[in-house]
Amino acid sequence: MNAKRGLIVNHEQFNDRKRVNEKALLFIIAALFLVSSACTKKALYKTTRWGVPIVRVLVADEQPYVAIYSETIVSVRSSRKDFKLKAFDTLTNAQTDNYQFPLEFENKRGVPIFVSGIGYPGKVNVLLNSQLKVINVIDMETYVKGVVPHEIGTRPIDELEVVKAQAIAARTYAIKHLNLDRNPTYDLVASVYDQVYKGFQYRNALSDSAVTATYGEIIAYNGEPIEAKYSSTCGGITSDVTDNWGNDRVPYLRSIKDEPSPAFGAQEPFCSISRLYTWEEKFSREDFYRMIRGNLYGTDSTGHIAERPSITGFNLKRNPRSKRVTTLEIKTETDEFVFKGLDIRKVLKEEDRLLWSNYFFIKSTQDSIFIQGKGAGHGCGMCQWGAIGMAQKGYQYKEILKHYYRGTNVKKLY
């Protein structure tokens, strides 16, 4: 009886141990999954040995050939064999016995590699599809130094705080767009489609010092990097993110007045110093409607606007808070067109120049049409001329960023 009871007890103990082991195994699997997820999240982008993110910037695309050279010999890796690049060597889209695409250029002495006359630091990769694609691979801080002077311009020393604000906005924008799988070969485009980047060209001591002073700092909302939108001039009030990019609201990209607190009394908006704070475009009625028909229907092979249906009316819908036109409806004798957000400026463009902003009103007389507006660009997020105005009034860079990106804070990422 005791022996049998002992066997029963041992069997129960065995089952207890089995259940404990199963729970432990499940715990280990869950822990490994969490670690794996964390590692996957952390590995969204590569870093240098010092933990600085690496950025891949598309600096040239769809090129029949590119001229690549340096003041010193550059090491070149290819899938066929490695070789050395001599000064002023020119590459074409023809594969030769000497190399095979993709190519990777690297000058370990820190001397810039010139691509079509512009010097780039770091590595330069050349890919071949139907034509050539050139990508500059660099660390984040070097990238930001190549962006800031082209986005905020050359500023005097007493406006250093706005240059710092621009450096952090540019760094945050880049961090947010690293390896988002939109293209497996690059992260950012070196133009207004992302941020203007030109390597070593026009870099200056003040902008470099602003990047160094804010090393690794980004703008965060709830601990995460924000979508750091910015544009030239908001015209006294910034736009809401929904004015330009659909219906998804973003707390830190809502419309705000670009002016000091009411506690300081009535004052001009910070960006009133911009030459595009207000503007006006004047057209004859004939030219105005010809422009719109051309933008709606295009031109013929000779560049002339063919006979198109006459415009019978148009209607504007706007955000009452931001004052931006959010919908443009155009009726012709045969069609109805509806344009939203950023597309509105394309309909009202003159030749290749977009309308300055969506903050506009249309007035007409018997003979003329006037488009009267404010600001330049999409107007969302940081107003660059407003930020310059704040710096001129003594605001610090963190105050500037908090003003435009409400509810955010500056944090050290690395």
Protein backbone atom coordinates (compact mmCIF):
# COMPACT_ATOMS: atom_id res chain seq x y z
CA MET A 1 0.00 0.00 0.00
CA ASN A 2 2.78 2.37 0.96
CA ALA A 3 4.74 1.33 -2.08
CA LYS A 4 1.73 1.91 -4.33
CA ARG A 5 1.05 5.24 -2.68
CA GLY A 6 4.69 6.06 -3.18
CA LEU A 7 4.39 5.26 -6.86
CA ILE A 8 1.34 7.52 -7.12
CA VAL A 9 3.16 10.34 -5.36
CA ASN A 10 6.19 9.94 -7.63
CA HIS A 11 3.93 9.96 -10.70
CA GLU A 12 2.25 13.17 -9.53
CA GLN A 13 5.62 14.71 -8.81
CA PHE A 14 6.71 13.68 -12.32
CA ASN A 15 3.63 15.39 -13.83
CA ASP A 16 4.27 18.49 -11.72
CA ARG A 17 7.87 18.63 -12.92
CA LYS A 18 6.68 18.06 -16.50
CA ARG A 19 4.23 20.97 -16.22
CA VAL A 20 6.95 23.18 -14.74
CA ASN A 21 9.33 22.22 -17.54
CA GLU A 22 6.65 22.92 -20.16
CA LYS A 23 5.99 26.34 -18.63
CA ALA A 24 9.70 27.06 -18.51
CA LEU A 25 10.04 26.02 -22.15
CA LEU A 26 7.15 28.28 -23.15
CA PHE A 27 8.70 31.11 -21.16
CA ILE A 28 12.05 30.61 -22.91
CA ILE A 29 10.36 30.54 -26.34
CA ALA A 30 8.43 33.73 -25.53
CA ALA A 31 11.59 35.41 -24.27
CA LEU A 32 13.48 34.41 -27.40
CA PHE A 33 10.63 35.77 -29.55
CA LEU A 34 10.72 39.09 -27.71
CA VAL A 35 14.48 39.29 -28.03
CA SER A 36 14.21 38.39 -31.71
CA SER A 37 11.53 41.05 -32.24
CA ALA A 38 13.61 43.63 -30.42
CA CYS A 39 16.65 42.72 -32.50
CA THR A 40 14.59 42.90 -35.68
CA LYS A 41 13.28 46.32 -34.70
CA LYS A 42 16.75 47.53 -33.78
CA ALA A 43 18.18 46.21 -37.04
CA LEU A 44 16.01 48.47 -39.23
CA TYR A 45 19.23 50.21 -40.19
CA LYS A 46 22.94 49.55 -39.95
CA THR A 47 25.28 51.60 -37.80
CA THR A 48 28.96 52.43 -37.61
CA ARG A 49 31.09 50.88 -34.87
CA TRP A 50 30.21 53.96 -32.76
CA GLY A 51 26.46 53.35 -33.13
CA VAL A 52 25.79 56.13 -35.66
CA PRO A 53 23.15 55.14 -38.26
CA ILE A 54 24.32 54.63 -41.85
CA VAL A 55 22.39 56.46 -44.59
CA ARG A 56 22.11 55.51 -48.26
CA VAL A 57 21.35 58.56 -50.39
CA LEU A 58 20.33 58.41 -54.05
CA VAL A 59 22.36 61.24 -55.61
CA ALA A 60 21.86 60.41 -59.31
CA ASP A 61 19.33 58.28 -61.13
CA GLU A 62 18.66 57.22 -64.72
CA GLN A 63 22.03 58.50 -65.92
CA PRO A 64 23.48 57.36 -69.28
CA TYR A 65 26.95 57.88 -67.81
CA VAL A 66 28.61 59.42 -64.78
CA ALA A 67 32.07 60.89 -64.37
CA ILE A 68 33.65 59.67 -61.14
CA TYR A 69 37.05 60.81 -59.99
CA SER A 70 39.07 61.78 -56.94
CA GLU A 71 42.32 63.55 -56.12
CA THR A 72 43.78 60.22 -55.04
CA ILE A 73 43.45 56.61 -56.14
CA VAL A 74 40.13 55.05 -55.14
CA SER A 75 39.58 51.36 -54.42
CA VAL A 76 36.75 49.87 -56.48
CA ARG A 77 34.99 46.59 -55.75
CA SER A 78 32.94 44.79 -58.37
CA SER A 79 31.28 41.40 -58.59
CA ARG A 80 33.91 40.29 -61.11
CA LYS A 81 37.16 41.70 -59.76
CA ASP A 82 38.49 44.65 -57.80
CA PHE A 83 40.51 47.44 -59.39
CA LYS A 84 41.74 50.99 -58.81
CA LEU A 85 40.10 54.17 -60.10
CA LYS A 86 42.48 56.69 -61.57
CA ALA A 87 41.77 60.40 -61.68
CA PHE A 88 39.04 61.50 -64.09
CA ASP A 89 38.04 57.98 -65.14
CA THR A 90 34.59 57.99 -66.73
CA LEU A 91 32.03 55.22 -66.36
CA THR A 92 29.34 54.39 -68.89
CA ASN A 93 26.51 51.90 -68.82
CA ALA A 94 28.55 49.46 -70.91
CA GLN A 95 29.96 46.52 -68.96
CA THR A 96 33.61 45.91 -69.78
CA ASP A 97 36.17 43.25 -69.00
CA ASN A 98 37.56 45.43 -66.20
CA TYR A 99 34.47 45.64 -64.02
CA GLN A 100 30.92 44.47 -63.61
CA PHE A 101 28.11 46.28 -61.80
CA PRO A 102 27.35 46.93 -59.02
CA LEU A 103 30.49 48.93 -58.21
CA GLU A 104 31.57 50.21 -54.81
CA PHE A 105 34.00 53.14 -54.60
CA GLU A 106 35.81 53.94 -51.37
CA ASN A 107 38.59 56.37 -50.53
CA LYS A 108 39.86 55.43 -47.07
CA ARG A 109 41.88 58.64 -46.77
CA GLY A 110 38.73 60.70 -46.34
CA VAL A 111 39.24 62.51 -49.65
CA PRO A 112 35.90 63.17 -51.40
CA ILE A 113 34.82 61.13 -54.39
CA PHE A 114 33.46 63.40 -57.12
CA VAL A 115 30.33 62.38 -59.02
CA SER A 116 29.53 64.68 -61.95
CA GLY A 117 31.44 67.49 -60.27
CA ILE A 118 30.00 67.19 -56.74
CA GLY A 119 32.24 65.82 -53.99
CA TYR A 120 30.81 63.15 -51.70
CA PRO A 121 32.27 61.67 -48.52
CA GLY A 122 32.13 57.98 -47.58
CA LYS A 123 31.36 55.30 -50.14
CA VAL A 124 29.81 55.68 -53.59
CA ASN A 125 27.89 52.78 -55.09
CA VAL A 126 27.02 52.62 -58.80
CA LEU A 127 24.22 50.28 -59.91
CA LEU A 128 23.14 49.46 -63.43
CA ASN A 129 19.60 48.76 -64.51
CA SER A 130 18.67 50.24 -67.87
CA GLN A 131 20.87 53.19 -66.88
CA LEU A 132 23.08 54.16 -63.96
CA LYS A 133 22.03 54.84 -60.39
CA VAL A 134 24.51 56.43 -57.94
CA ILE A 135 24.17 56.07 -54.16
CA ASN A 136 26.29 57.77 -51.49
CA VAL A 137 26.68 55.66 -48.33
CA ILE A 138 27.62 57.73 -45.27
CA ASP A 139 27.06 58.05 -41.54
CA MET A 140 24.11 60.10 -40.30
CA GLU A 141 26.12 63.04 -38.93
CA THR A 142 28.03 63.53 -42.19
CA TYR A 143 24.74 63.32 -44.08
CA VAL A 144 23.12 66.01 -41.93
CA LYS A 145 26.12 68.30 -42.48
CA GLY A 146 25.50 67.96 -46.21
CA VAL A 147 21.79 68.82 -45.81
CA VAL A 148 21.60 71.75 -43.39
CA PRO A 149 23.16 74.55 -45.50
CA HIS A 150 20.91 73.66 -48.44
CA GLU A 151 17.73 73.60 -46.37
CA ILE A 152 18.18 76.64 -44.09
CA GLY A 153 20.70 78.63 -46.13
CA THR A 154 23.77 80.46 -44.88
CA ARG A 155 22.85 82.14 -41.61
CA PRO A 156 24.83 84.62 -39.46
CA ILE A 157 26.30 83.57 -36.12
CA ASP A 158 23.51 85.22 -34.11
CA GLU A 159 21.03 82.82 -35.75
CA LEU A 160 22.89 79.68 -34.69
CA GLU A 161 19.84 78.40 -32.79
CA VAL A 162 17.76 78.06 -35.95
CA VAL A 163 20.59 76.15 -37.63
CA LYS A 164 20.60 73.76 -34.66
CA ALA A 165 16.82 73.35 -34.98
CA GLN A 166 17.22 72.60 -38.69
CA ALA A 167 19.97 70.06 -37.98
CA ILE A 168 17.74 68.16 -35.55
CA ALA A 169 14.74 68.29 -37.89
CA ALA A 170 16.87 66.97 -40.77
CA ARG A 171 18.35 64.20 -38.60
CA THR A 172 14.90 63.20 -37.34
CA TYR A 173 13.45 63.13 -40.85
CA ALA A 174 16.29 60.89 -42.00
CA ILE A 175 15.99 58.52 -39.02
CA LYS A 176 12.28 58.16 -39.70
CA HIS A 177 12.93 57.18 -43.32
CA LEU A 178 15.78 54.69 -42.96
CA ASN A 179 15.15 51.31 -44.59
CA LEU A 180 11.40 51.56 -44.96
CA ASP A 181 11.47 48.98 -47.77
CA ARG A 182 10.25 51.51 -50.32
CA ASN A 183 13.45 50.78 -52.22
CA PRO A 184 16.00 48.11 -51.26
CA THR A 185 18.99 50.08 -52.57
CA TYR A 186 18.61 53.50 -50.91
CA ASP A 187 16.86 55.30 -48.05
CA LEU A 188 16.60 58.92 -49.15
CA VAL A 189 16.68 60.99 -52.32
CA ALA A 190 19.09 63.95 -52.42
CA SER A 191 16.40 66.43 -53.52
CA VAL A 192 13.25 68.20 -52.33
CA TYR A 193 11.47 64.83 -52.57
CA ASP A 194 13.22 64.14 -49.26
CA GLN A 195 15.93 66.63 -48.26
CA VAL A 196 18.39 68.54 -50.43
CA TYR A 197 21.82 66.94 -49.98
CA LYS A 198 24.99 67.87 -51.88
CA GLY A 199 27.84 66.23 -50.03
CA PHE A 200 30.68 68.66 -49.38
CA GLN A 201 29.24 71.41 -51.59
CA TYR A 202 28.62 74.72 -49.76
CA ARG A 203 29.17 73.28 -46.31
CA ASN A 204 30.24 75.95 -43.84
CA ALA A 205 31.66 76.18 -40.36
CA LEU A 206 28.46 77.47 -38.73
CA SER A 207 26.21 74.70 -40.04
CA ASP A 208 28.84 72.05 -39.27
CA SER A 209 29.12 73.36 -35.70
CA ALA A 210 25.32 73.25 -35.30
CA VAL A 211 25.30 69.59 -36.33
CA THR A 212 28.16 68.79 -33.95
CA ALA A 213 26.49 70.68 -31.06
CA THR A 214 23.31 68.59 -31.49
CA TYR A 215 25.09 65.27 -32.14
CA GLY A 216 22.62 62.38 -32.06
CA GLU A 217 19.64 64.51 -31.01
CA ILE A 218 16.21 63.93 -32.56
CA ILE A 219 12.63 65.09 -32.02
CA ALA A 220 10.48 62.47 -30.31
CA TYR A 221 6.80 62.00 -29.56
CA ASN A 222 6.01 59.34 -26.96
CA GLY A 223 9.64 58.30 -27.20
CA GLU A 224 9.62 57.65 -30.97
CA PRO A 225 11.13 59.75 -33.80
CA ILE A 226 8.55 61.99 -35.40
CA GLU A 227 7.77 62.65 -39.06
CA ALA A 228 9.66 65.96 -39.03
CA LYS A 229 7.93 67.88 -41.82
CA TYR A 230 9.15 71.42 -42.54
CA SER A 231 8.82 74.00 -45.30
CA SER A 232 9.83 77.54 -46.19
CA THR A 233 7.07 79.91 -45.02
CA CYS A 234 3.71 79.17 -43.38
CA GLY A 235 2.22 82.64 -43.87
CA GLY A 236 1.30 83.15 -40.22
CA ILE A 237 -0.35 79.81 -39.50
CA THR A 238 0.93 76.31 -40.24
CA SER A 239 -1.10 73.75 -42.13
CA ASP A 240 -2.55 70.57 -40.67
CA VAL A 241 -1.07 67.30 -41.92
CA THR A 242 -4.52 66.37 -43.25
CA ASP A 243 -4.47 69.41 -45.55
CA ASN A 244 -1.75 67.77 -47.62
CA TRP A 245 -1.58 64.03 -46.95
CA GLY A 246 -5.04 62.57 -46.36
CA ASN A 247 -7.18 61.98 -43.30
CA ASP A 248 -4.74 60.52 -40.76
CA ARG A 249 -4.29 63.10 -38.02
CA VAL A 250 -0.91 63.51 -36.31
CA PRO A 251 -0.95 65.29 -32.91
CA TYR A 252 2.36 67.10 -33.42
CA LEU A 253 1.56 68.17 -37.02
CA ARG A 254 -1.59 70.16 -36.39
CA SER A 255 -2.22 73.73 -37.46
CA ILE A 256 -0.85 76.37 -35.07
CA LYS A 257 -0.47 80.14 -35.15
CA ASP A 258 3.08 81.16 -35.92
CA GLU A 259 3.31 83.89 -33.33
CA PRO A 260 4.32 84.50 -29.71
CA SER A 261 2.01 83.69 -26.83
CA PRO A 262 -0.95 86.10 -26.47
CA ALA A 263 0.49 86.94 -23.05
CA PHE A 264 3.12 89.03 -24.85
CA GLY A 265 0.45 91.08 -26.65
CA ALA A 266 -0.30 91.37 -30.35
CA GLN A 267 2.79 90.82 -32.49
CA GLU A 268 3.56 90.02 -36.09
CA PRO A 269 3.93 86.32 -36.98
CA PHE A 270 7.49 85.01 -36.75
CA CYS A 271 7.62 84.35 -40.52
CA SER A 272 6.47 87.85 -41.50
CA ILE A 273 10.14 88.54 -42.33
CA SER A 274 9.90 86.20 -45.35
CA ARG A 275 9.52 87.81 -48.78
CA LEU A 276 6.83 85.20 -49.47
CA TYR A 277 4.84 85.93 -46.32
CA THR A 278 2.28 87.41 -48.72
CA TRP A 279 2.24 87.29 -52.52
CA GLU A 280 0.00 87.86 -55.51
CA GLU A 281 -0.20 86.42 -59.01
CA LYS A 282 -2.06 88.37 -61.71
CA PHE A 283 -3.39 86.91 -64.98
CA SER A 284 -5.59 88.08 -67.79
CA ARG A 285 -8.76 86.01 -67.81
CA GLU A 286 -7.70 84.43 -71.10
CA ASP A 287 -4.24 83.45 -69.77
CA PHE A 288 -5.66 82.14 -66.50
CA TYR A 289 -8.10 79.73 -68.13
CA ARG A 290 -5.56 78.72 -70.77
CA MET A 291 -3.11 77.86 -67.96
CA ILE A 292 -5.67 75.69 -66.17
CA ARG A 293 -6.77 73.90 -69.36
CA GLY A 294 -3.14 73.19 -70.18
CA ASN A 295 -2.55 71.73 -66.70
CA LEU A 296 -5.73 69.67 -66.92
CA TYR A 297 -5.33 68.26 -70.40
CA GLY A 298 -1.66 68.74 -71.24
CA THR A 299 -0.10 70.07 -74.41
CA ASP A 300 0.40 68.64 -77.88
CA SER A 301 3.69 67.44 -79.35
CA THR A 302 4.69 71.02 -80.22
CA GLY A 303 4.13 72.25 -76.68
CA HIS A 304 0.94 74.15 -77.57
CA ILE A 305 -2.38 73.72 -75.84
CA ALA A 306 -4.84 72.12 -78.20
CA GLU A 307 -8.49 73.13 -78.27
CA ARG A 308 -10.00 71.92 -75.03
CA PRO A 309 -13.44 72.18 -73.41
CA SER A 310 -14.08 75.53 -71.76
CA ILE A 311 -14.08 75.80 -67.98
CA THR A 312 -17.56 76.53 -66.70
CA GLY A 313 -16.79 76.91 -63.00
CA PHE A 314 -14.61 75.99 -60.06
CA ASN A 315 -15.09 75.67 -56.33
CA LEU A 316 -12.65 75.87 -53.42
CA LYS A 317 -13.02 74.07 -50.08
CA ARG A 318 -10.70 75.04 -47.27
CA ASN A 319 -9.76 74.12 -43.72
CA PRO A 320 -11.25 76.95 -41.62
CA ARG A 321 -8.45 76.69 -39.07
CA SER A 322 -5.37 76.57 -41.30
CA LYS A 323 -7.03 78.58 -44.13
CA ARG A 324 -5.55 76.12 -46.65
CA VAL A 325 -7.46 75.09 -49.75
CA THR A 326 -7.95 71.35 -49.30
CA THR A 327 -10.11 70.60 -52.33
CA LEU A 328 -10.29 72.21 -55.76
CA GLU A 329 -13.22 71.26 -57.98
CA ILE A 330 -13.14 72.28 -61.65
CA LYS A 331 -16.01 71.84 -64.10
CA THR A 332 -15.63 72.02 -67.86
CA GLU A 333 -18.18 71.58 -70.63
CA THR A 334 -17.53 67.83 -70.62
CA ASP A 335 -15.68 66.85 -67.42
CA GLU A 336 -15.47 67.34 -63.69
CA PHE A 337 -12.11 67.30 -61.89
CA VAL A 338 -11.41 67.07 -58.15
CA PHE A 339 -7.95 67.78 -56.76
CA LYS A 340 -6.84 67.48 -53.15
CA GLY A 341 -3.85 68.43 -51.05
CA LEU A 342 -0.54 68.88 -52.81
CA ASP A 343 -2.05 68.26 -56.27
CA ILE A 344 -3.90 71.59 -56.11
CA ARG A 345 -0.71 73.58 -56.62
CA LYS A 346 0.06 71.54 -59.75
CA VAL A 347 -3.25 72.53 -61.36
CA LEU A 348 -2.49 76.22 -60.79
CA LYS A 349 1.16 76.07 -61.82
CA GLU A 350 2.55 78.48 -64.41
CA GLU A 351 4.80 76.56 -66.80
CA ASP A 352 7.06 74.53 -64.44
CA ARG A 353 6.59 76.72 -61.36
CA LEU A 354 4.07 75.47 -58.80
CA LEU A 355 1.74 77.87 -57.04
CA TRP A 356 3.59 79.06 -53.94
CA SER A 357 1.21 77.43 -51.45
CA ASN A 358 -2.36 76.23 -50.83
CA TYR A 359 -3.00 79.26 -48.62
CA PHE A 360 -4.64 81.41 -51.31
CA PHE A 361 -7.79 83.20 -52.42
CA ILE A 362 -8.96 83.89 -55.98
CA LYS A 363 -10.44 87.24 -56.93
CA SER A 364 -11.51 88.45 -60.35
CA THR A 365 -12.42 91.60 -62.22
CA GLN A 366 -13.92 91.94 -65.65
CA ASP A 367 -10.51 91.55 -67.31
CA SER A 368 -8.17 89.97 -64.73
CA ILE A 369 -7.81 87.09 -62.27
CA PHE A 370 -5.81 87.55 -59.06
CA ILE A 371 -4.47 84.73 -56.88
CA GLN A 372 -3.63 86.28 -53.52
CA GLY A 373 -1.83 84.06 -51.06
CA LYS A 374 0.48 83.57 -48.13
CA GLY A 375 3.50 81.38 -47.52
CA ALA A 376 5.58 78.99 -49.60
CA GLY A 377 5.56 75.20 -49.52
CA HIS A 378 3.19 72.77 -47.82
CA GLY A 379 3.30 74.76 -44.56
CA CYS A 380 3.24 71.70 -42.28
CA GLY A 381 5.51 71.32 -39.26
CA MET A 382 8.41 73.71 -38.81
CA CYS A 383 8.16 76.98 -40.70
CA GLN A 384 11.78 77.72 -41.62
CA TRP A 385 11.39 81.48 -41.92
CA GLY A 386 9.35 81.46 -38.74
CA ALA A 387 12.16 79.56 -37.03
CA ILE A 388 14.63 82.17 -38.31
CA GLY A 389 12.37 84.88 -36.87
CA MET A 390 12.28 83.09 -33.52
CA ALA A 391 16.09 82.82 -33.45
CA GLN A 392 16.33 86.54 -34.17
CA LYS A 393 14.12 87.15 -31.13
CA GLY A 394 16.38 85.09 -28.88
CA TYR A 395 14.56 81.74 -28.75
CA GLN A 396 16.69 78.61 -28.19
CA TYR A 397 16.57 75.64 -30.56
CA LYS A 398 14.53 73.44 -28.22
CA GLU A 399 11.96 76.23 -27.83
CA ILE A 400 11.75 76.57 -31.60
CA LEU A 401 11.14 72.86 -32.09
CA LYS A 402 8.56 72.65 -29.29
CA HIS A 403 6.70 75.59 -30.84
CA TYR A 404 6.23 73.87 -34.20
CA TYR A 405 5.99 70.23 -33.09
CA ARG A 406 3.58 70.40 -30.15
CA GLY A 407 3.86 67.73 -27.47
CA THR A 408 7.33 66.62 -28.53
CA ASN A 409 10.73 66.75 -26.87
CA VAL A 410 14.35 66.61 -27.97
CA LYS A 411 16.07 63.36 -26.97
CA LYS A 412 19.51 61.85 -27.46
CA LEU A 413 19.26 58.84 -29.78
CA TYR A 414 22.96 57.92 -29.80
